[in-house]
Amino acid sequence: MLVVHEHPRRGGFAGEVMAVINEQAFDYLDAPLMRVAGPDMPVPYAPPLEDAYIPQPATIAAAAKELLAY
């Protein structure tokens, strides 16, 4: 299971989604839960900084490939 969101890694909804999956569907998982999120800092407002903050397709694809390696 790969969860992706644009907010900080800690305190975002991805952690809650992963907790529910872990509690209710752990036995059905073939690989560990993974998440791709922004860094633990406030979301910047400047467009170039925001682009650097938000997970990019290449980062998401790399995480998916890592997950599929299990």
C-alpha atoms as a PDB file:
ATOM      1  CA  MET A   1       0.000   0.000   0.000  1.00  0.00           C
ATOM      2  CA  LEU A   2       1.437   3.338  -1.042  1.00  0.00           C
ATOM      3  CA  VAL A   3      -0.208   6.473   0.336  1.00  0.00           C
ATOM      4  CA  VAL A   4       0.698   9.811  -1.259  1.00  0.00           C
ATOM      5  CA  HIS A   5      -0.305  13.253  -0.049  1.00  0.00           C
ATOM      6  CA  GLU A   6       0.927  16.820  -0.308  1.00  0.00           C
ATOM      7  CA  HIS A   7       0.999  17.692   3.370  1.00  0.00           C
ATOM      8  CA  PRO A   8       3.779  17.146   5.916  1.00  0.00           C
ATOM      9  CA  ARG A   9       4.702  13.534   6.586  1.00  0.00           C
ATOM     10  CA  ARG A  10       3.834  13.706  10.287  1.00  0.00           C
ATOM     11  CA  GLY A  11       0.392  14.781  11.374  1.00  0.00           C
ATOM     12  CA  GLY A  12      -1.137  14.347   7.916  1.00  0.00           C
ATOM     13  CA  PHE A  13      -4.034  12.131   6.953  1.00  0.00           C
ATOM     14  CA  ALA A  14      -1.738   9.506   5.401  1.00  0.00           C
ATOM     15  CA  GLY A  15      -0.691   8.351   8.863  1.00  0.00           C
ATOM     16  CA  GLU A  16      -4.321   7.862   9.857  1.00  0.00           C
ATOM     17  CA  VAL A  17      -5.141   5.999   6.629  1.00  0.00           C
ATOM     18  CA  MET A  18      -2.142   3.751   7.230  1.00  0.00           C
ATOM     19  CA  ALA A  19      -3.176   3.146  10.845  1.00  0.00           C
ATOM     20  CA  VAL A  20      -6.654   2.017   9.793  1.00  0.00           C
ATOM     21  CA  ILE A  21      -5.231  -0.278   7.116  1.00  0.00           C
ATOM     22  CA  ASN A  22      -2.733  -1.692   9.601  1.00  0.00           C
ATOM     23  CA  GLU A  23      -5.482  -2.351  12.152  1.00  0.00           C
ATOM     24  CA  GLN A  24      -8.073  -3.820   9.788  1.00  0.00           C
ATOM     25  CA  ALA A  25      -6.178  -5.366   6.882  1.00  0.00           C
ATOM     26  CA  PHE A  26      -2.669  -6.218   8.101  1.00  0.00           C
ATOM     27  CA  ASP A  27      -3.082  -9.927   7.323  1.00  0.00           C
ATOM     28  CA  TYR A  28      -3.838  -9.134   3.677  1.00  0.00           C
ATOM     29  CA  LEU A  29      -0.701  -7.072   3.046  1.00  0.00           C
ATOM     30  CA  ASP A  30       2.150  -8.624   1.072  1.00  0.00           C
ATOM     31  CA  ALA A  31       4.555  -5.710   1.642  1.00  0.00           C
ATOM     32  CA  PRO A  32       4.996  -2.940   4.198  1.00  0.00           C
ATOM     33  CA  LEU A  33       2.915   0.210   4.133  1.00  0.00           C
ATOM     34  CA  MET A  34       4.714   3.169   2.566  1.00  0.00           C
ATOM     35  CA  ARG A  35       3.962   6.864   2.265  1.00  0.00           C
ATOM     36  CA  VAL A  36       5.258   9.689   0.154  1.00  0.00           C
ATOM     37  CA  ALA A  37       4.613  13.146   1.548  1.00  0.00           C
ATOM     38  CA  GLY A  38       6.033  16.598   1.896  1.00  0.00           C
ATOM     39  CA  PRO A  39       8.777  17.319   4.401  1.00  0.00           C
ATOM     40  CA  ASP A  40       7.942  18.144   8.021  1.00  0.00           C
ATOM     41  CA  MET A  41       7.670  21.910   7.580  1.00  0.00           C
ATOM     42  CA  PRO A  42       4.973  24.425   6.647  1.00  0.00           C
ATOM     43  CA  VAL A  43       3.907  24.418   3.009  1.00  0.00           C
ATOM     44  CA  PRO A  44       5.711  27.260   1.208  1.00  0.00           C
ATOM     45  CA  TYR A  45       3.716  29.808  -0.810  1.00  0.00           C
ATOM     46  CA  ALA A  46       6.274  30.665  -3.506  1.00  0.00           C
ATOM     47  CA  PRO A  47       5.603  28.519  -6.609  1.00  0.00           C
ATOM     48  CA  PRO A  48       9.213  27.278  -7.052  1.00  0.00           C
ATOM     49  CA  LEU A  49       9.416  26.286  -3.383  1.00  0.00           C
ATOM     50  CA  GLU A  50       5.980  24.704  -3.496  1.00  0.00           C
ATOM     51  CA  ASP A  51       7.044  22.597  -6.488  1.00  0.00           C
ATOM     52  CA  ALA A  52      10.063  21.402  -4.512  1.00  0.00           C
ATOM     53  CA  TYR A  53       7.853  20.641  -1.499  1.00  0.00           C
ATOM     54  CA  ILE A  54       5.094  18.643  -3.193  1.00  0.00           C
ATOM     55  CA  PRO A  55       5.942  15.008  -4.018  1.00  0.00           C
ATOM     56  CA  GLN A  56       6.822  14.802  -7.698  1.00  0.00           C
ATOM     57  CA  PRO A  57       5.887  11.978 -10.110  1.00  0.00           C
ATOM     58  CA  ALA A  58       9.466  10.700 -10.155  1.00  0.00           C
ATOM     59  CA  THR A  59       9.513  10.407  -6.358  1.00  0.00           C
ATOM     60  CA  ILE A  60       6.176   8.608  -6.345  1.00  0.00           C
ATOM     61  CA  ALA A  61       7.307   6.236  -9.109  1.00  0.00           C
ATOM     62  CA  ALA A  62      10.528   5.434  -7.225  1.00  0.00           C
ATOM     63  CA  ALA A  63       8.545   4.600  -4.078  1.00  0.00           C
ATOM     64  CA  ALA A  64       6.160   2.409  -6.079  1.00  0.00           C
ATOM     65  CA  LYS A  65       9.083   0.534  -7.658  1.00  0.00           C
ATOM     66  CA  GLU A  66      10.625   0.013  -4.221  1.00  0.00           C
ATOM     67  CA  LEU A  67       7.314  -1.310  -2.919  1.00  0.00           C
ATOM     68  CA  LEU A  68       6.907  -3.662  -5.878  1.00  0.00           C
ATOM     69  CA  ALA A  69      10.342  -5.140  -5.189  1.00  0.00           C
ATOM     70  CA  TYR A  70       8.920  -6.968  -2.141  1.00  0.00           C
END
